Amino acid sequence: MLEAASAPFSIRFYLQDPLLADELDDLLGKIDGPAKALVRWSDAKKAGITLDADASENRLRDWLARHPETMQRPVLMGPDQAIIGRPPEALRPLIDQHRP
């Protein structure tokens, strides 16, 4: 989708290169919603990882830093906004903003 739009992008494989706490803070500051929106709850449950969905933002951030495999993907991050790419069409507004 990004290539088809000729939008500039880089890819971060955060399972191999997990986000640091300050990078997660930056991401969470750009997402339109709470930290729990970034959690793939079904994957966490399958892996036997438990966390209360009502946990604090800081606790969720720390949890995502320790368990990046449970973070929603893909996530498209722009200078001022980040969007979870599920469904993929959700990415369109941010892609359109950054077309050359």
N, C-alpha and C. Protein backbone atom coordinates (compact mmCIF):
# COMPACT_ATOMS: atom_id res chain seq x y z
N MET A 1 0.83 -1.18 0.00
CA MET A 1 0.00 0.00 0.00
C MET A 1 0.88 1.25 0.00
N LEU A 2 1.92 1.25 0.84
CA LEU A 2 2.82 2.40 0.89
C LEU A 2 3.60 2.56 -0.42
N GLU A 3 4.08 1.45 -0.94
CA GLU A 3 4.82 1.51 -2.20
C GLU A 3 3.93 1.98 -3.33
N ALA A 4 2.70 1.49 -3.38
CA ALA A 4 1.77 1.89 -4.43
C ALA A 4 1.47 3.38 -4.37
N ALA A 5 1.49 3.96 -3.18
CA ALA A 5 1.21 5.39 -3.00
C ALA A 5 2.47 6.24 -3.17
N SER A 6 3.61 5.60 -3.38
CA SER A 6 4.91 6.30 -3.48
C SER A 6 5.20 7.13 -2.24
N ALA A 7 4.68 6.68 -1.11
CA ALA A 7 4.92 7.39 0.15
C ALA A 7 6.24 6.90 0.74
N PRO A 8 7.06 7.82 1.24
CA PRO A 8 8.33 7.39 1.84
C PRO A 8 8.06 6.65 3.16
N PHE A 9 8.84 5.59 3.41
CA PHE A 9 8.66 4.85 4.65
C PHE A 9 9.91 4.05 4.96
N SER A 10 10.02 3.65 6.22
CA SER A 10 11.04 2.70 6.63
C SER A 10 10.32 1.64 7.46
N ILE A 11 10.92 0.49 7.54
CA ILE A 11 10.31 -0.63 8.26
C ILE A 11 11.13 -0.94 9.50
N ARG A 12 10.43 -1.15 10.60
CA ARG A 12 11.08 -1.57 11.84
C ARG A 12 10.49 -2.91 12.25
N PHE A 13 11.29 -3.93 12.28
CA PHE A 13 10.85 -5.25 12.71
C PHE A 13 11.02 -5.31 14.22
N TYR A 14 9.98 -4.88 14.93
CA TYR A 14 10.14 -4.70 16.37
C TYR A 14 10.12 -5.99 17.16
N LEU A 15 9.90 -7.13 16.52
CA LEU A 15 10.11 -8.39 17.23
C LEU A 15 11.60 -8.66 17.35
N GLN A 16 12.36 -8.31 16.32
CA GLN A 16 13.81 -8.47 16.35
C GLN A 16 14.50 -7.27 16.98
N ASP A 17 13.89 -6.11 16.88
CA ASP A 17 14.46 -4.85 17.38
C ASP A 17 13.38 -4.13 18.19
N PRO A 18 13.10 -4.62 19.41
CA PRO A 18 11.99 -4.06 20.21
C PRO A 18 12.15 -2.57 20.49
N LEU A 19 11.01 -1.92 20.61
CA LEU A 19 10.99 -0.50 20.94
C LEU A 19 11.44 -0.30 22.38
N LEU A 20 12.21 0.73 22.60
CA LEU A 20 12.60 1.11 23.95
C LEU A 20 11.44 1.85 24.61
N ALA A 21 11.48 2.00 25.92
CA ALA A 21 10.39 2.65 26.65
C ALA A 21 10.10 4.05 26.11
N ASP A 22 11.15 4.85 25.81
CA ASP A 22 10.90 6.20 25.30
C ASP A 22 10.31 6.16 23.89
N GLU A 23 10.65 5.15 23.10
CA GLU A 23 10.05 5.02 21.77
C GLU A 23 8.59 4.62 21.88
N LEU A 24 8.27 3.76 22.84
CA LEU A 24 6.87 3.41 23.07
C LEU A 24 6.09 4.62 23.56
N ASP A 25 6.70 5.44 24.42
CA ASP A 25 6.04 6.68 24.87
C ASP A 25 5.71 7.57 23.68
N ASP A 26 6.67 7.71 22.76
CA ASP A 26 6.46 8.53 21.57
C ASP A 26 5.32 7.95 20.73
N LEU A 27 5.33 6.65 20.52
CA LEU A 27 4.27 6.00 19.76
C LEU A 27 2.92 6.18 20.43
N LEU A 28 2.86 5.95 21.73
CA LEU A 28 1.60 6.09 22.46
C LEU A 28 1.08 7.52 22.44
N GLY A 29 1.99 8.49 22.39
CA GLY A 29 1.57 9.88 22.30
C GLY A 29 0.97 10.22 20.95
N LYS A 30 1.24 9.41 19.94
CA LYS A 30 0.75 9.68 18.59
C LYS A 30 -0.47 8.84 18.20
N ILE A 31 -0.70 7.77 18.95
CA ILE A 31 -1.86 6.90 18.68
C ILE A 31 -3.12 7.59 19.17
N ASP A 32 -4.18 7.47 18.39
CA ASP A 32 -5.46 8.04 18.79
C ASP A 32 -6.20 7.00 19.64
N GLY A 33 -5.86 6.96 20.92
CA GLY A 33 -6.49 6.00 21.80
C GLY A 33 -5.55 5.59 22.92
N PRO A 34 -6.04 4.77 23.82
CA PRO A 34 -5.24 4.33 24.97
C PRO A 34 -4.21 3.27 24.58
N ALA A 35 -3.28 3.02 25.46
CA ALA A 35 -2.24 2.01 25.23
C ALA A 35 -2.83 0.64 24.96
N LYS A 36 -3.96 0.33 25.59
CA LYS A 36 -4.53 -1.01 25.38
C LYS A 36 -4.95 -1.24 23.94
N ALA A 37 -5.09 -0.15 23.15
CA ALA A 37 -5.41 -0.31 21.73
C ALA A 37 -4.26 -0.97 20.97
N LEU A 38 -3.05 -0.88 21.50
CA LEU A 38 -1.88 -1.49 20.85
C LEU A 38 -1.69 -2.96 21.18
N VAL A 39 -2.48 -3.49 22.10
CA VAL A 39 -2.29 -4.86 22.57
C VAL A 39 -3.11 -5.83 21.71
N ARG A 40 -2.47 -6.89 21.27
CA ARG A 40 -3.15 -7.99 20.59
C ARG A 40 -3.56 -8.98 21.68
N TRP A 41 -4.72 -8.77 22.26
CA TRP A 41 -5.15 -9.52 23.43
C TRP A 41 -5.24 -11.02 23.14
N SER A 42 -5.68 -11.40 21.94
CA SER A 42 -5.80 -12.83 21.63
C SER A 42 -4.42 -13.49 21.60
N ASP A 43 -3.42 -12.78 21.08
CA ASP A 43 -2.06 -13.33 21.06
C ASP A 43 -1.50 -13.46 22.47
N ALA A 44 -1.78 -12.48 23.31
CA ALA A 44 -1.33 -12.55 24.69
C ALA A 44 -1.95 -13.74 25.40
N LYS A 45 -3.24 -13.94 25.19
CA LYS A 45 -3.94 -15.06 25.83
C LYS A 45 -3.37 -16.39 25.35
N LYS A 46 -3.14 -16.52 24.03
CA LYS A 46 -2.59 -17.77 23.48
C LYS A 46 -1.21 -18.06 24.06
N ALA A 47 -0.43 -17.01 24.31
CA ALA A 47 0.92 -17.18 24.84
C ALA A 47 0.92 -17.37 26.36
N GLY A 48 -0.26 -17.30 26.97
CA GLY A 48 -0.35 -17.47 28.41
C GLY A 48 0.09 -16.25 29.18
N ILE A 49 0.14 -15.10 28.50
CA ILE A 49 0.54 -13.85 29.14
C ILE A 49 -0.74 -13.17 29.62
N THR A 50 -0.77 -12.83 30.89
CA THR A 50 -1.98 -12.20 31.42
C THR A 50 -1.68 -10.78 31.88
N LEU A 51 -2.62 -9.94 31.60
CA LEU A 51 -2.56 -8.54 32.02
C LEU A 51 -3.98 -8.02 32.03
N ASP A 52 -4.31 -7.25 33.02
CA ASP A 52 -5.63 -6.66 33.14
C ASP A 52 -5.78 -5.56 32.09
N ALA A 53 -6.85 -5.60 31.32
CA ALA A 53 -7.11 -4.59 30.29
C ALA A 53 -7.30 -3.21 30.90
N ASP A 54 -7.54 -3.14 32.20
CA ASP A 54 -7.70 -1.85 32.87
C ASP A 54 -6.42 -1.37 33.53
N ALA A 55 -5.30 -1.98 33.19
CA ALA A 55 -4.01 -1.58 33.77
C ALA A 55 -3.69 -0.15 33.37
N SER A 56 -2.83 0.49 34.13
CA SER A 56 -2.44 1.88 33.84
C SER A 56 -1.67 1.96 32.52
N GLU A 57 -1.65 3.14 31.94
CA GLU A 57 -0.92 3.36 30.69
C GLU A 57 0.56 2.99 30.86
N ASN A 58 1.16 3.38 32.00
CA ASN A 58 2.57 3.07 32.22
C ASN A 58 2.79 1.56 32.32
N ARG A 59 1.89 0.87 32.98
CA ARG A 59 2.04 -0.58 33.12
C ARG A 59 1.88 -1.26 31.76
N LEU A 60 0.94 -0.80 30.96
CA LEU A 60 0.76 -1.35 29.62
C LEU A 60 1.98 -1.09 28.75
N ARG A 61 2.54 0.11 28.84
CA ARG A 61 3.75 0.44 28.07
C ARG A 61 4.89 -0.49 28.46
N ASP A 62 5.10 -0.66 29.77
CA ASP A 62 6.17 -1.53 30.23
C ASP A 62 5.94 -2.97 29.78
N TRP A 63 4.70 -3.39 29.81
CA TRP A 63 4.33 -4.74 29.39
C TRP A 63 4.62 -4.93 27.91
N LEU A 64 4.25 -3.95 27.07
CA LEU A 64 4.53 -4.03 25.63
C LEU A 64 6.03 -4.06 25.36
N ALA A 65 6.80 -3.34 26.16
CA ALA A 65 8.26 -3.35 26.00
C ALA A 65 8.82 -4.75 26.28
N ARG A 66 8.23 -5.45 27.25
CA ARG A 66 8.70 -6.80 27.60
C ARG A 66 8.14 -7.88 26.67
N HIS A 67 6.98 -7.60 26.06
CA HIS A 67 6.30 -8.59 25.22
C HIS A 67 5.92 -7.98 23.87
N PRO A 68 6.90 -7.61 23.06
CA PRO A 68 6.58 -6.96 21.78
C PRO A 68 5.76 -7.85 20.85
N GLU A 69 5.80 -9.16 21.06
CA GLU A 69 5.02 -10.06 20.21
C GLU A 69 3.52 -9.86 20.36
N THR A 70 3.10 -9.15 21.40
CA THR A 70 1.67 -8.91 21.61
C THR A 70 1.22 -7.53 21.15
N MET A 71 2.10 -6.81 20.45
CA MET A 71 1.74 -5.47 19.97
C MET A 71 1.09 -5.58 18.60
N GLN A 72 0.05 -4.79 18.40
CA GLN A 72 -0.63 -4.73 17.11
C GLN A 72 0.38 -4.43 16.01
N ARG A 73 0.13 -4.99 14.84
CA ARG A 73 0.97 -4.71 13.69
C ARG A 73 0.13 -4.85 12.44
N PRO A 74 0.43 -4.09 11.47
CA PRO A 74 1.46 -3.06 11.43
C PRO A 74 0.99 -1.78 12.11
N VAL A 75 1.95 -0.96 12.46
CA VAL A 75 1.68 0.38 12.97
C VAL A 75 2.42 1.35 12.06
N LEU A 76 1.70 2.30 11.51
CA LEU A 76 2.31 3.32 10.66
C LEU A 76 2.47 4.58 11.49
N MET A 77 3.69 5.08 11.56
CA MET A 77 3.97 6.23 12.41
C MET A 77 4.49 7.38 11.55
N GLY A 78 3.80 8.50 11.65
CA GLY A 78 4.22 9.72 10.98
C GLY A 78 4.81 10.67 12.01
N PRO A 79 5.17 11.87 11.58
CA PRO A 79 5.76 12.83 12.51
C PRO A 79 4.84 13.21 13.68
N ASP A 80 3.53 13.27 13.43
CA ASP A 80 2.59 13.73 14.45
C ASP A 80 1.49 12.74 14.78
N GLN A 81 1.45 11.62 14.09
CA GLN A 81 0.34 10.69 14.24
C GLN A 81 0.82 9.27 13.99
N ALA A 82 0.17 8.31 14.65
CA ALA A 82 0.42 6.90 14.40
C ALA A 82 -0.93 6.19 14.29
N ILE A 83 -0.98 5.20 13.40
CA ILE A 83 -2.22 4.49 13.15
C ILE A 83 -1.94 2.99 13.13
N ILE A 84 -2.80 2.24 13.79
CA ILE A 84 -2.74 0.78 13.73
C ILE A 84 -3.35 0.37 12.39
N GLY A 85 -2.63 -0.44 11.64
CA GLY A 85 -3.05 -0.80 10.29
C GLY A 85 -4.00 -1.98 10.20
N ARG A 86 -4.97 -2.02 11.06
CA ARG A 86 -6.00 -3.05 11.02
C ARG A 86 -7.35 -2.37 11.08
N PRO A 87 -8.11 -2.43 10.05
CA PRO A 87 -7.82 -3.00 8.75
C PRO A 87 -6.83 -2.12 7.98
N PRO A 88 -6.21 -2.65 6.94
CA PRO A 88 -5.20 -1.87 6.21
C PRO A 88 -5.71 -0.52 5.69
N GLU A 89 -6.98 -0.43 5.39
CA GLU A 89 -7.55 0.83 4.90
C GLU A 89 -7.44 1.96 5.93
N ALA A 90 -7.26 1.60 7.19
CA ALA A 90 -7.13 2.62 8.25
C ALA A 90 -5.88 3.46 8.04
N LEU A 91 -4.91 2.93 7.29
CA LEU A 91 -3.66 3.65 7.05
C LEU A 91 -3.80 4.76 6.01
N ARG A 92 -4.82 4.69 5.18
CA ARG A 92 -4.96 5.60 4.04
C ARG A 92 -4.83 7.08 4.41
N PRO A 93 -5.49 7.60 5.46
CA PRO A 93 -5.37 9.04 5.75
C PRO A 93 -3.93 9.48 6.01
N LEU A 94 -3.18 8.68 6.74
CA LEU A 94 -1.79 9.05 7.03
C LEU A 94 -0.92 8.93 5.79
N ILE A 95 -1.16 7.91 4.98
CA ILE A 95 -0.42 7.76 3.73
C ILE A 95 -0.67 8.96 2.82
N ASP A 96 -1.94 9.34 2.69
CA ASP A 96 -2.29 10.46 1.81
C ASP A 96 -1.62 11.76 2.26
N GLN A 97 -1.44 11.94 3.56
CA GLN A 97 -0.79 13.16 4.08
C GLN A 97 0.67 13.25 3.68
N HIS A 98 1.30 12.11 3.43
CA HIS A 98 2.75 12.09 3.22
C HIS A 98 3.16 11.64 1.82
N ARG A 99 2.24 11.72 0.88
CA ARG A 99 2.62 11.43 -0.50
C ARG A 99 3.53 12.52 -1.02
N PRO A 100 4.46 12.12 -1.88
CA PRO A 100 5.36 13.14 -2.46
C PRO A 100 4.61 14.06 -3.43
